[in-house]
PDB file of N, CA and C in Angstrom:
ATOM      1  N   UNK A   1      49.065   6.862 138.634  1.00  0.00           N
ATOM      2  CA  UNK A   1      48.813   5.478 139.022  1.00  0.00           C
ATOM      3  C   UNK A   1      49.950   5.025 139.923  1.00  0.00           C
ATOM      4  N   UNK A   2      49.604   4.618 141.118  1.00  0.00           N
ATOM      5  CA  UNK A   2      50.594   4.148 142.094  1.00  0.00           C
ATOM      6  C   UNK A   2      51.032   2.723 141.747  1.00  0.00           C
ATOM      7  N   UNK A   3      52.343   2.507 141.517  1.00  0.00           N
ATOM      8  CA  UNK A   3      52.814   1.147 141.225  1.00  0.00           C
ATOM      9  C   UNK A   3      52.530   0.199 142.389  1.00  0.00           C
ATOM     10  N   UNK A   4      52.141  -1.027 142.040  1.00  0.00           N
ATOM     11  CA  UNK A   4      51.810  -2.020 143.060  1.00  0.00           C
ATOM     12  C   UNK A   4      52.272  -3.386 142.590  1.00  0.00           C
ATOM     13  N   UNK A   5      52.802  -4.165 143.517  1.00  0.00           N
ATOM     14  CA  UNK A   5      53.171  -5.560 143.249  1.00  0.00           C
ATOM     15  C   UNK A   5      52.781  -6.384 144.466  1.00  0.00           C
ATOM     16  N   UNK A   6      51.972  -7.400 144.243  1.00  0.00           N
ATOM     17  CA  UNK A   6      51.524  -8.269 145.333  1.00  0.00           C
ATOM     18  C   UNK A   6      51.830  -9.717 144.989  1.00  0.00           C
ATOM     19  N   UNK A   7      52.229 -10.468 146.010  1.00  0.00           N
ATOM     20  CA  UNK A   7      52.502 -11.897 145.839  1.00  0.00           C
ATOM     21  C   UNK A   7      51.561 -12.652 146.761  1.00  0.00           C
ATOM     22  N   UNK A   8      50.795 -13.579 146.173  1.00  0.00           N
ATOM     23  CA  UNK A   8      49.836 -14.355 146.963  1.00  0.00           C
ATOM     24  C   UNK A   8      50.064 -15.839 146.732  1.00  0.00           C
ATOM     25  N   UNK A   9      49.965 -16.593 147.800  1.00  0.00           N
ATOM     26  CA  UNK A   9      50.108 -18.044 147.706  1.00  0.00           C
ATOM     27  C   UNK A   9      48.798 -18.783 147.944  1.00  0.00           C
ATOM     28  N   UNK A  10      47.717 -18.048 148.130  1.00  0.00           N
ATOM     29  CA  UNK A  10      46.432 -18.682 148.435  1.00  0.00           C
ATOM     30  C   UNK A  10      45.538 -18.843 147.206  1.00  0.00           C
ATOM     31  N   UNK A  11      45.934 -18.273 146.076  1.00  0.00           N
ATOM     32  CA  UNK A  11      45.086 -18.304 144.882  1.00  0.00           C
ATOM     33  C   UNK A  11      45.310 -19.526 144.003  1.00  0.00           C
ATOM     34  N   UNK A  12      46.388 -20.268 144.257  1.00  0.00           N
ATOM     35  CA  UNK A  12      46.714 -21.441 143.447  1.00  0.00           C
ATOM     36  C   UNK A  12      47.363 -22.493 144.333  1.00  0.00           C
ATOM     37  N   UNK A  13      47.077 -23.756 144.040  1.00  0.00           N
ATOM     38  CA  UNK A  13      47.702 -24.838 144.801  1.00  0.00           C
ATOM     39  C   UNK A  13      49.160 -25.042 144.420  1.00  0.00           C
ATOM     40  N   UNK A  14      49.522 -24.723 143.176  1.00  0.00           N
ATOM     41  CA  UNK A  14      50.871 -25.012 142.676  1.00  0.00           C
ATOM     42  C   UNK A  14      51.768 -23.797 142.520  1.00  0.00           C
ATOM     43  N   UNK A  15      51.176 -22.609 142.367  1.00  0.00           N
ATOM     44  CA  UNK A  15      51.966 -21.444 141.994  1.00  0.00           C
ATOM     45  C   UNK A  15      51.796 -20.288 142.966  1.00  0.00           C
ATOM     46  N   UNK A  16      52.827 -19.474 143.055  1.00  0.00           N
ATOM     47  CA  UNK A  16      52.693 -18.158 143.668  1.00  0.00           C
ATOM     48  C   UNK A  16      52.123 -17.256 142.584  1.00  0.00           C
ATOM     49  N   UNK A  17      51.190 -16.407 142.964  1.00  0.00           N
ATOM     50  CA  UNK A  17      50.556 -15.514 142.004  1.00  0.00           C
ATOM     51  C   UNK A  17      51.051 -14.096 142.277  1.00  0.00           C
ATOM     52  N   UNK A  18      51.673 -13.511 141.263  1.00  0.00           N
ATOM     53  CA  UNK A  18      52.202 -12.155 141.378  1.00  0.00           C
ATOM     54  C   UNK A  18      51.347 -11.248 140.510  1.00  0.00           C
ATOM     55  N   UNK A  19      50.797 -10.210 141.118  1.00  0.00           N
ATOM     56  CA  UNK A  19      50.020  -9.231 140.370  1.00  0.00           C
ATOM     57  C   UNK A  19      50.735  -7.893 140.442  1.00  0.00           C
ATOM     58  N   UNK A  20      50.960  -7.295 139.277  1.00  0.00           N
ATOM     59  CA  UNK A  20      51.591  -5.981 139.218  1.00  0.00           C
ATOM     60  C   UNK A  20      50.628  -5.009 138.561  1.00  0.00           C
ATOM     61  N   UNK A  21      50.680  -3.777 139.016  1.00  0.00           N
ATOM     62  CA  UNK A  21      49.805  -2.737 138.486  1.00  0.00           C
ATOM     63  C   UNK A  21      50.607  -1.453 138.388  1.00  0.00           C
ATOM     64  N   UNK A  22      50.464  -0.763 137.273  1.00  0.00           N
ATOM     65  CA  UNK A  22      51.182   0.491 137.118  1.00  0.00           C
ATOM     66  C   UNK A  22      50.848   1.164 135.805  1.00  0.00           C
ATOM     67  N   UNK A  23      51.614   2.200 135.498  1.00  0.00           N
ATOM     68  CA  UNK A  23      51.452   2.973 134.281  1.00  0.00           C
ATOM     69  C   UNK A  23      52.155   2.258 133.136  1.00  0.00           C
ATOM     70  N   UNK A  24      51.433   2.024 132.048  1.00  0.00           N
ATOM     71  CA  UNK A  24      51.999   1.316 130.902  1.00  0.00           C
ATOM     72  C   UNK A  24      53.007   2.194 130.175  1.00  0.00           C
ATOM     73  N   UNK A  25      53.978   1.546 129.555  1.00  0.00           N
ATOM     74  CA  UNK A  25      54.955   2.217 128.700  1.00  0.00           C
ATOM     75  C   UNK A  25      55.537   1.165 127.764  1.00  0.00           C
ATOM     76  N   UNK A  26      56.119   1.592 126.643  1.00  0.00           N
ATOM     77  CA  UNK A  26      56.723   0.620 125.729  1.00  0.00           C
ATOM     78  C   UNK A  26      57.810  -0.197 126.428  1.00  0.00           C
ATOM     79  N   UNK A  27      57.757  -1.508 126.258  1.00  0.00           N
ATOM     80  CA  UNK A  27      58.777  -2.383 126.820  1.00  0.00           C
ATOM     81  C   UNK A  27      58.555  -2.806 128.260  1.00  0.00           C
ATOM     82  N   UNK A  28      57.474  -2.344 128.891  1.00  0.00           N
ATOM     83  CA  UNK A  28      57.264  -2.665 130.307  1.00  0.00           C
ATOM     84  C   UNK A  28      57.130  -4.163 130.537  1.00  0.00           C
ATOM     85  N   UNK A  29      56.367  -4.851 129.715  1.00  0.00           N
ATOM     86  CA  UNK A  29      56.190  -6.294 129.898  1.00  0.00           C
ATOM     87  C   UNK A  29      57.534  -7.014 129.814  1.00  0.00           C
ATOM     88  N   UNK A  30      58.362  -6.613 128.882  1.00  0.00           N
ATOM     89  CA  UNK A  30      59.695  -7.207 128.750  1.00  0.00           C
ATOM     90  C   UNK A  30      60.535  -6.954 129.999  1.00  0.00           C
ATOM     91  N   UNK A  31      60.437  -5.749 130.544  1.00  0.00           N
ATOM     92  CA  UNK A  31      61.188  -5.424 131.758  1.00  0.00           C
ATOM     93  C   UNK A  31      60.702  -6.254 132.949  1.00  0.00           C
ATOM     94  N   UNK A  32      59.389  -6.421 133.066  1.00  0.00           N
ATOM     95  CA  UNK A  32      58.836  -7.203 134.172  1.00  0.00           C
ATOM     96  C   UNK A  32      59.274  -8.659 134.062  1.00  0.00           C
ATOM     97  N   UNK A  33      59.112  -9.250 132.880  1.00  0.00           N
ATOM     98  CA  UNK A  33      59.493 -10.659 132.728  1.00  0.00           C
ATOM     99  C   UNK A  33      60.999 -10.843 132.863  1.00  0.00           C
ATOM    100  N   UNK A  34      61.780  -9.862 132.438  1.00  0.00           N
ATOM    101  CA  UNK A  34      63.227  -9.914 132.638  1.00  0.00           C
ATOM    102  C   UNK A  34      63.582  -9.901 134.109  1.00  0.00           C
ATOM    103  N   UNK A  35      62.881  -9.078 134.884  1.00  0.00           N
ATOM    104  CA  UNK A  35      63.121  -9.025 136.326  1.00  0.00           C
ATOM    105  C   UNK A  35      62.754 -10.354 136.980  1.00  0.00           C
ATOM    106  N   UNK A  36      61.636 -10.940 136.583  1.00  0.00           N
ATOM    107  CA  UNK A  36      61.240 -12.233 137.147  1.00  0.00           C
ATOM    108  C   UNK A  36      62.276 -13.301 136.824  1.00  0.00           C
ATOM    109  N   UNK A  37      62.802 -13.269 135.612  1.00  0.00           N
ATOM    110  CA  UNK A  37      63.856 -14.207 135.226  1.00  0.00           C
ATOM    111  C   UNK A  37      65.123 -13.971 136.043  1.00  0.00           C
ATOM    112  N   UNK A  38      65.514 -12.707 136.189  1.00  0.00           N
ATOM    113  CA  UNK A  38      66.693 -12.366 136.995  1.00  0.00           C
ATOM    114  C   UNK A  38      66.545 -12.848 138.434  1.00  0.00           C
ATOM    115  N   UNK A  39      65.304 -12.884 138.912  1.00  0.00           N
ATOM    116  CA  UNK A  39      65.017 -13.310 140.283  1.00  0.00           C
ATOM    117  C   UNK A  39      64.855 -14.828 140.384  1.00  0.00           C
ATOM    118  N   UNK A  40      65.213 -15.544 139.330  1.00  0.00           N
ATOM    119  CA  UNK A  40      65.166 -17.013 139.285  1.00  0.00           C
ATOM    120  C   UNK A  40      63.757 -17.559 139.483  1.00  0.00           C
ATOM    121  N   UNK A  41      62.810 -16.939 138.797  1.00  0.00           N
ATOM    122  CA  UNK A  41      61.430 -17.402 138.837  1.00  0.00           C
ATOM    123  C   UNK A  41      61.037 -17.932 137.467  1.00  0.00           C
ATOM    124  N   UNK A  42      60.300 -19.030 137.463  1.00  0.00           N
ATOM    125  CA  UNK A  42      59.753 -19.593 136.234  1.00  0.00           C
ATOM    126  C   UNK A  42      58.305 -19.137 136.099  1.00  0.00           C
ATOM    127  N   UNK A  43      57.961 -18.593 134.950  1.00  0.00           N
ATOM    128  CA  UNK A  43      56.595 -18.148 134.683  1.00  0.00           C
ATOM    129  C   UNK A  43      55.847 -19.290 134.001  1.00  0.00           C
ATOM    130  N   UNK A  44      54.818 -19.803 134.675  1.00  0.00           N
ATOM    131  CA  UNK A  44      54.007 -20.878 134.104  1.00  0.00           C
ATOM    132  C   UNK A  44      52.871 -20.315 133.265  1.00  0.00           C
ATOM    133  N   UNK A  45      52.363 -19.160 133.671  1.00  0.00           N
ATOM    134  CA  UNK A  45      51.239 -18.546 132.983  1.00  0.00           C
ATOM    135  C   UNK A  45      51.263 -17.053 133.264  1.00  0.00           C
ATOM    136  N   UNK A  46      50.778 -16.281 132.298  1.00  0.00           N
ATOM    137  CA  UNK A  46      50.699 -14.830 132.478  1.00  0.00           C
ATOM    138  C   UNK A  46      49.391 -14.331 131.880  1.00  0.00           C
ATOM    139  N   UNK A  47      48.761 -13.417 132.579  1.00  0.00           N
ATOM    140  CA  UNK A  47      47.538 -12.782 132.104  1.00  0.00           C
ATOM    141  C   UNK A  47      47.824 -11.286 132.042  1.00  0.00           C
ATOM    142  N   UNK A  48      47.842 -10.742 130.844  1.00  0.00           N
ATOM    143  CA  UNK A  48      48.255  -9.371 130.606  1.00  0.00           C
ATOM    144  C   UNK A  48      47.023  -8.540 130.274  1.00  0.00           C
ATOM    145  N   UNK A  49      46.812  -7.469 131.033  1.00  0.00           N
ATOM    146  CA  UNK A  49      45.633  -6.636 130.845  1.00  0.00           C
ATOM    147  C   UNK A  49      46.047  -5.172 130.818  1.00  0.00           C
ATOM    148  N   UNK A  50      45.491  -4.437 129.863  1.00  0.00           N
ATOM    149  CA  UNK A  50      45.749  -3.003 129.768  1.00  0.00           C
ATOM    150  C   UNK A  50      44.417  -2.269 129.735  1.00  0.00           C
ATOM    151  N   UNK A  51      44.313  -1.245 130.577  1.00  0.00           N
ATOM    152  CA  UNK A  51      43.142  -0.370 130.605  1.00  0.00           C
ATOM    153  C   UNK A  51      43.641   1.043 130.319  1.00  0.00           C
ATOM    154  N   UNK A  52      43.624   1.453 129.061  1.00  0.00           N
ATOM    155  CA  UNK A  52      44.166   2.765 128.718  1.00  0.00           C
ATOM    156  C   UNK A  52      45.653   2.810 129.039  1.00  0.00           C
ATOM    157  N   UNK A  53      46.039   3.668 129.969  1.00  0.00           N
ATOM    158  CA  UNK A  53      47.445   3.797 130.367  1.00  0.00           C
ATOM    159  C   UNK A  53      47.827   2.851 131.504  1.00  0.00           C
ATOM    160  N   UNK A  54      46.870   2.130 132.042  1.00  0.00           N
ATOM    161  CA  UNK A  54      47.098   1.291 133.223  1.00  0.00           C
ATOM    162  C   UNK A  54      47.247  -0.174 132.831  1.00  0.00           C
ATOM    163  N   UNK A  55      48.234  -0.833 133.440  1.00  0.00           N
ATOM    164  CA  UNK A  55      48.393  -2.274 133.241  1.00  0.00           C
ATOM    165  C   UNK A  55      48.123  -2.988 134.553  1.00  0.00           C
ATOM    166  N   UNK A  56      47.505  -4.136 134.440  1.00  0.00           N
ATOM    167  CA  UNK A  56      47.384  -5.073 135.553  1.00  0.00           C
ATOM    168  C   UNK A  56      47.772  -6.425 134.978  1.00  0.00           C
ATOM    169  N   UNK A  57      48.956  -6.888 135.342  1.00  0.00           N
ATOM    170  CA  UNK A  57      49.490  -8.142 134.824  1.00  0.00           C
ATOM    171  C   UNK A  57      49.590  -9.148 135.960  1.00  0.00           C
ATOM    172  N   UNK A  58      49.186 -10.376 135.687  1.00  0.00           N
ATOM    173  CA  UNK A  58      49.211 -11.436 136.687  1.00  0.00           C
ATOM    174  C   UNK A  58      50.087 -12.573 136.178  1.00  0.00           C
ATOM    175  N   UNK A  59      51.021 -13.007 137.028  1.00  0.00           N
ATOM    176  CA  UNK A  59      51.958 -14.063 136.667  1.00  0.00           C
ATOM    177  C   UNK A  59      51.841 -15.205 137.668  1.00  0.00           C
ATOM    178  N   UNK A  60      51.756 -16.422 137.159  1.00  0.00           N
ATOM    179  CA  UNK A  60      51.761 -17.622 137.988  1.00  0.00           C
ATOM    180  C   UNK A  60      53.177 -18.169 137.916  1.00  0.00           C
ATOM    181  N   UNK A  61      53.873 -18.172 139.051  1.00  0.00           N
ATOM    182  CA  UNK A  61      55.304 -18.477 139.047  1.00  0.00           C
ATOM    183  C   UNK A  61      55.670 -19.516 140.101  1.00  0.00           C
ATOM    184  N   UNK A  62      56.844 -20.116 139.888  1.00  0.00           N
ATOM    185  CA  UNK A  62      57.489 -20.958 140.899  1.00  0.00           C
ATOM    186  C   UNK A  62      58.958 -20.574 140.932  1.00  0.00           C
ATOM    187  N   UNK A  63      59.648 -21.057 141.972  1.00  0.00           N
ATOM    188  CA  UNK A  63      61.098 -20.900 141.974  1.00  0.00           C
ATOM    189  C   UNK A  63      61.677 -21.953 141.032  1.00  0.00           C
ATOM    190  N   UNK A  64      62.986 -22.012 140.932  1.00  0.00           N
ATOM    191  CA  UNK A  64      63.604 -22.931 139.968  1.00  0.00           C
ATOM    192  C   UNK A  64      63.452 -24.399 140.341  1.00  0.00           C
ATOM    193  N   UNK A  65      63.015 -24.680 141.585  1.00  0.00           N
ATOM    194  CA  UNK A  65      62.772 -26.068 141.990  1.00  0.00           C
ATOM    195  C   UNK A  65      61.300 -26.446 141.839  1.00  0.00           C
ATOM    196  N   UNK A  66      60.492 -25.526 141.289  1.00  0.00           N
ATOM    197  CA  UNK A  66      59.079 -25.803 141.077  1.00  0.00           C
ATOM    198  C   UNK A  66      58.201 -25.543 142.282  1.00  0.00           C
ATOM    199  N   UNK A  67      58.728 -24.841 143.275  1.00  0.00           N
ATOM    200  CA  UNK A  67      57.980 -24.571 144.501  1.00  0.00           C
ATOM    201  C   UNK A  67      57.458 -23.131 144.525  1.00  0.00           C
ATOM    202  N   UNK A  68      56.419 -22.919 145.329  1.00  0.00           N
ATOM    203  CA  UNK A  68      55.930 -21.566 145.565  1.00  0.00           C
ATOM    204  C   UNK A  68      57.000 -20.759 146.301  1.00  0.00           C
ATOM    205  N   UNK A  69      56.891 -19.451 146.212  1.00  0.00           N
ATOM    206  CA  UNK A  69      57.783 -18.562 146.947  1.00  0.00           C
ATOM    207  C   UNK A  69      57.187 -18.415 148.343  1.00  0.00           C
ATOM    208  N   UNK A  70      57.885 -18.926 149.357  1.00  0.00           N
ATOM    209  CA  UNK A  70      57.306 -18.872 150.703  1.00  0.00           C
ATOM    210  C   UNK A  70      58.146 -18.094 151.708  1.00  0.00           C
ATOM    211  N   UNK A  71      59.339 -17.698 151.346  1.00  0.00           N
ATOM    212  CA  UNK A  71      60.192 -16.928 152.245  1.00  0.00           C
ATOM    213  C   UNK A  71      59.754 -15.460 152.241  1.00  0.00           C
ATOM    214  N   UNK A  72      59.396 -14.917 153.414  1.00  0.00           N
ATOM    215  CA  UNK A  72      59.008 -13.503 153.479  1.00  0.00           C
ATOM    216  C   UNK A  72      60.108 -12.567 152.966  1.00  0.00           C
ATOM    217  N   UNK A  73      61.365 -12.916 153.218  1.00  0.00           N
ATOM    218  CA  UNK A  73      62.481 -12.093 152.746  1.00  0.00           C
ATOM    219  C   UNK A  73      62.540 -12.104 151.224  1.00  0.00           C
ATOM    220  N   UNK A  74      62.393 -13.280 150.635  1.00  0.00           N
ATOM    221  CA  UNK A  74      62.427 -13.394 149.168  1.00  0.00           C
ATOM    222  C   UNK A  74      61.223 -12.693 148.553  1.00  0.00           C
ATOM    223  N   UNK A  75      60.069 -12.838 149.168  1.00  0.00           N
ATOM    224  CA  UNK A  75      58.867 -12.181 148.662  1.00  0.00           C
ATOM    225  C   UNK A  75      59.041 -10.663 148.664  1.00  0.00           C
ATOM    226  N   UNK A  76      59.641 -10.134 149.729  1.00  0.00           N
ATOM    227  CA  UNK A  76      59.876  -8.687 149.819  1.00  0.00           C
ATOM    228  C   UNK A  76      60.856  -8.230 148.746  1.00  0.00           C
ATOM    229  N   UNK A  77      61.896  -9.028 148.489  1.00  0.00           N
ATOM    230  CA  UNK A  77      62.883  -8.675 147.464  1.00  0.00           C
ATOM    231  C   UNK A  77      62.236  -8.648 146.075  1.00  0.00           C
ATOM    232  N   UNK A  78      61.381  -9.625 145.802  1.00  0.00           N
ATOM    233  CA  UNK A  78      60.677  -9.682 144.518  1.00  0.00           C
ATOM    234  C   UNK A  78      59.762  -8.467 144.375  1.00  0.00           C
ATOM    235  N   UNK A  79      59.021  -8.194 145.420  1.00  0.00           N
ATOM    236  CA  UNK A  79      58.093  -7.066 145.405  1.00  0.00           C
ATOM    237  C   UNK A  79      58.843  -5.749 145.184  1.00  0.00           C
ATOM    238  N   UNK A  80      59.949  -5.554 145.892  1.00  0.00           N
ATOM    239  CA  UNK A  80      60.728  -4.322 145.752  1.00  0.00           C
ATOM    240  C   UNK A  80      61.282  -4.170 144.345  1.00  0.00           C
ATOM    241  N   UNK A  81      61.768  -5.261 143.767  1.00  0.00           N
ATOM    242  CA  UNK A  81      62.325  -5.206 142.413  1.00  0.00           C
ATOM    243  C   UNK A  81      61.240  -4.861 141.400  1.00  0.00           C
ATOM    244  N   UNK A  82      60.070  -5.469 141.548  1.00  0.00           N
ATOM    245  CA  UNK A  82      58.988  -5.195 140.608  1.00  0.00           C
ATOM    246  C   UNK A  82      58.478  -3.759 140.730  1.00  0.00           C
ATOM    247  N   UNK A  83      58.412  -3.242 141.932  1.00  0.00           N
ATOM    248  CA  UNK A  83      58.017  -1.839 142.127  1.00  0.00           C
ATOM    249  C   UNK A  83      59.026  -0.927 141.435  1.00  0.00           C
ATOM    250  N   UNK A  84      60.313  -1.237 141.584  1.00  0.00           N
ATOM    251  CA  UNK A  84      61.356  -0.438 140.929  1.00  0.00           C
ATOM    252  C   UNK A  84      61.201  -0.486 139.408  1.00  0.00           C
ATOM    253  N   UNK A  85      60.875  -1.658 138.863  1.00  0.00           N
ATOM    254  CA  UNK A  85      60.644  -1.775 137.417  1.00  0.00           C
ATOM    255  C   UNK A  85      59.451  -0.913 137.015  1.00  0.00           C
ATOM    256  N   UNK A  86      58.369  -1.003 137.759  1.00  0.00           N
ATOM    257  CA  UNK A  86      57.171  -0.228 137.439  1.00  0.00           C
ATOM    258  C   UNK A  86      57.428   1.270 137.519  1.00  0.00           C
ATOM    259  N   UNK A  87      58.290   1.677 138.451  1.00  0.00           N
ATOM    260  CA  UNK A  87      58.633   3.093 138.599  1.00  0.00           C
ATOM    261  C   UNK A  87      59.677   3.538 137.579  1.00  0.00           C
ATOM    262  N   UNK A  88      60.295   2.576 136.894  1.00  0.00           N
ATOM    263  CA  UNK A  88      61.317   2.908 135.912  1.00  0.00           C
ATOM    264  C   UNK A  88      62.656   3.250 136.516  1.00  0.00           C
ATOM    265  N   UNK A  89      62.936   2.730 137.729  1.00  0.00           N
ATOM    266  CA  UNK A  89      64.184   3.067 138.417  1.00  0.00           C
ATOM    267  C   UNK A  89      65.211   1.948 138.389  1.00  0.00           C
ATOM    268  N   UNK A  90      64.958   0.882 137.636  1.00  0.00           N
ATOM    269  CA  UNK A  90      65.914  -0.222 137.520  1.00  0.00           C
ATOM    270  C   UNK A  90      66.827   0.073 136.341  1.00  0.00           C
ATOM    271  N   UNK A  91      68.156  -0.070 136.506  1.00  0.00           N
ATOM    272  CA  UNK A  91      69.060   0.140 135.365  1.00  0.00           C
ATOM    273  C   UNK A  91      68.715  -0.819 134.237  1.00  0.00           C
ATOM    274  N   UNK A  92      68.881  -0.337 133.003  1.00  0.00           N
ATOM    275  CA  UNK A  92      68.570  -1.174 131.844  1.00  0.00           C
ATOM    276  C   UNK A  92      69.509  -2.356 131.774  1.00  0.00           C
ATOM    277  N   UNK A  93      68.972  -3.469 131.297  1.00  0.00           N
ATOM    278  CA  UNK A  93      69.784  -4.659 131.076  1.00  0.00           C
ATOM    279  C   UNK A  93      70.501  -4.484 129.745  1.00  0.00           C
ATOM    280  N   UNK A  94      71.578  -5.194 129.548  1.00  0.00           N
ATOM    281  CA  UNK A  94      72.364  -5.036 128.324  1.00  0.00           C
ATOM    282  C   UNK A  94      71.960  -6.005 127.238  1.00  0.00           C
ATOM    283  N   UNK A  95      72.616  -5.892 126.110  1.00  0.00           N
ATOM    284  CA  UNK A  95      72.474  -6.832 125.006  1.00  0.00           C
ATOM    285  C   UNK A  95      71.077  -6.951 124.455  1.00  0.00           C
ATOM    286  N   UNK A  96      70.675  -8.192 124.172  1.00  0.00           N
ATOM    287  CA  UNK A  96      69.378  -8.458 123.564  1.00  0.00           C
ATOM    288  C   UNK A  96      68.243  -8.037 124.479  1.00  0.00           C
ATOM    289  N   UNK A  97      68.444  -8.199 125.790  1.00  0.00           N
ATOM    290  CA  UNK A  97      67.380  -7.825 126.718  1.00  0.00           C
ATOM    291  C   UNK A  97      67.090  -6.334 126.617  1.00  0.00           C
ATOM    292  N   UNK A  98      68.141  -5.533 126.429  1.00  0.00           N
ATOM    293  CA  UNK A  98      67.938  -4.093 126.293  1.00  0.00           C
ATOM    294  C   UNK A  98      67.160  -3.795 125.021  1.00  0.00           C
ATOM    295  N   UNK A  99      67.508  -4.446 123.923  1.00  0.00           N
ATOM    296  CA  UNK A  99      66.791  -4.239 122.667  1.00  0.00           C
ATOM    297  C   UNK A  99      65.343  -4.691 122.796  1.00  0.00           C
ATOM    298  N   UNK A 100      65.123  -5.807 123.468  1.00  0.00           N
ATOM    299  CA  UNK A 100      63.759  -6.310 123.658  1.00  0.00           C
ATOM    300  C   UNK A 100      62.941  -5.341 124.491  1.00  0.00           C
ATOM    301  N   UNK A 101      63.573  -4.698 125.460  1.00  0.00           N
ATOM    302  CA  UNK A 101      62.869  -3.760 126.325  1.00  0.00           C
ATOM    303  C   UNK A 101      62.404  -2.528 125.555  1.00  0.00           C
ATOM    304  N   UNK A 102      62.997  -2.279 124.400  1.00  0.00           N
ATOM    305  CA  UNK A 102      62.611  -1.124 123.606  1.00  0.00           C
ATOM    306  C   UNK A 102      61.324  -1.361 122.833  1.00  0.00           C
ATOM    307  N   UNK A 103      60.875  -2.587 122.792  1.00  0.00           N
ATOM    308  CA  UNK A 103      59.629  -2.898 122.110  1.00  0.00           C
ATOM    309  C   UNK A 103      59.870  -3.517 120.751  1.00  0.00           C
ATOM    310  N   UNK A 104      58.790  -3.846 120.059  1.00  0.00           N
ATOM    311  CA  UNK A 104      58.885  -4.536 118.774  1.00  0.00           C
ATOM    312  C   UNK A 104      59.641  -3.715 117.739  1.00  0.00           C
ATOM    313  N   UNK A 105      59.539  -2.393 117.797  1.00  0.00           N
ATOM    314  CA  UNK A 105      60.179  -1.540 116.807  1.00  0.00           C
ATOM    315  C   UNK A 105      61.693  -1.560 116.873  1.00  0.00           C
ATOM    316  N   UNK A 106      62.258  -2.142 117.901  1.00  0.00           N
ATOM    317  CA  UNK A 106      63.709  -2.158 118.049  1.00  0.00           C
ATOM    318  C   UNK A 106      64.363  -3.188 117.141  1.00  0.00           C
ATOM    319  N   UNK A 107      63.572  -4.095 116.591  1.00  0.00           N
ATOM    320  CA  UNK A 107      64.128  -5.151 115.759  1.00  0.00           C
ATOM    321  C   UNK A 107      63.860  -4.838 114.293  1.00  0.00           C
ATOM    322  N   UNK A 108      64.899  -4.824 113.508  1.00  0.00           N
ATOM    323  CA  UNK A 108      64.716  -4.541 112.091  1.00  0.00           C
ATOM    324  C   UNK A 108      64.413  -5.828 111.341  1.00  0.00           C
ATOM    325  N   UNK A 109      63.687  -5.704 110.265  1.00  0.00           N
ATOM    326  CA  UNK A 109      63.392  -6.844 109.407  1.00  0.00           C
ATOM    327  C   UNK A 109      64.467  -6.900 108.335  1.00  0.00           C
ATOM    328  N   UNK A 110      65.318  -7.903 108.411  1.00  0.00           N
ATOM    329  CA  UNK A 110      66.442  -7.999 107.481  1.00  0.00           C
ATOM    330  C   UNK A 110      65.987  -8.339 106.064  1.00  0.00           C
ATOM    331  N   UNK A 111      64.728  -8.725 105.872  1.00  0.00           N
ATOM    332  CA  UNK A 111      64.215  -9.033 104.537  1.00  0.00           C
ATOM    333  C   UNK A 111      63.746  -7.786 103.802  1.00  0.00           C
ATOM    334  N   UNK A 112      63.648  -6.679 104.502  1.00  0.00           N
ATOM    335  CA  UNK A 112      63.214  -5.429 103.883  1.00  0.00           C
ATOM    336  C   UNK A 112      64.417  -4.706 103.293  1.00  0.00           C
ATOM    337  N   UNK A 113      64.247  -4.022 102.159  1.00  0.00           N
ATOM    338  CA  UNK A 113      65.372  -3.293 101.543  1.00  0.00           C
ATOM    339  C   UNK A 113      65.789  -2.102 102.377  1.00  0.00           C
TER     340      UNK A 113
END
């Protein structure tokens, strides 16, 4: 599955719509949302879809001022970062984000013996 990330501004009056497609793996959603946060994007809505090993996730986002992403340079940077995440070539984030990227099993239940 070829990783893909597209940013469209024509699908919503208020939001830039980012669609990513790639091979699913544990923690991928956490990595994608972490990248969007690192890129100073606010996620207003997300539609997460999995077809077997394939994911197609759609995010409705704005910049931190509540505006659509309209700079071609910024759009390219976002797209490149998301492709790198989908390919698994982005260095892991530290701390809690790293644990979150490992999936639900990374957190122990302190109430269990």
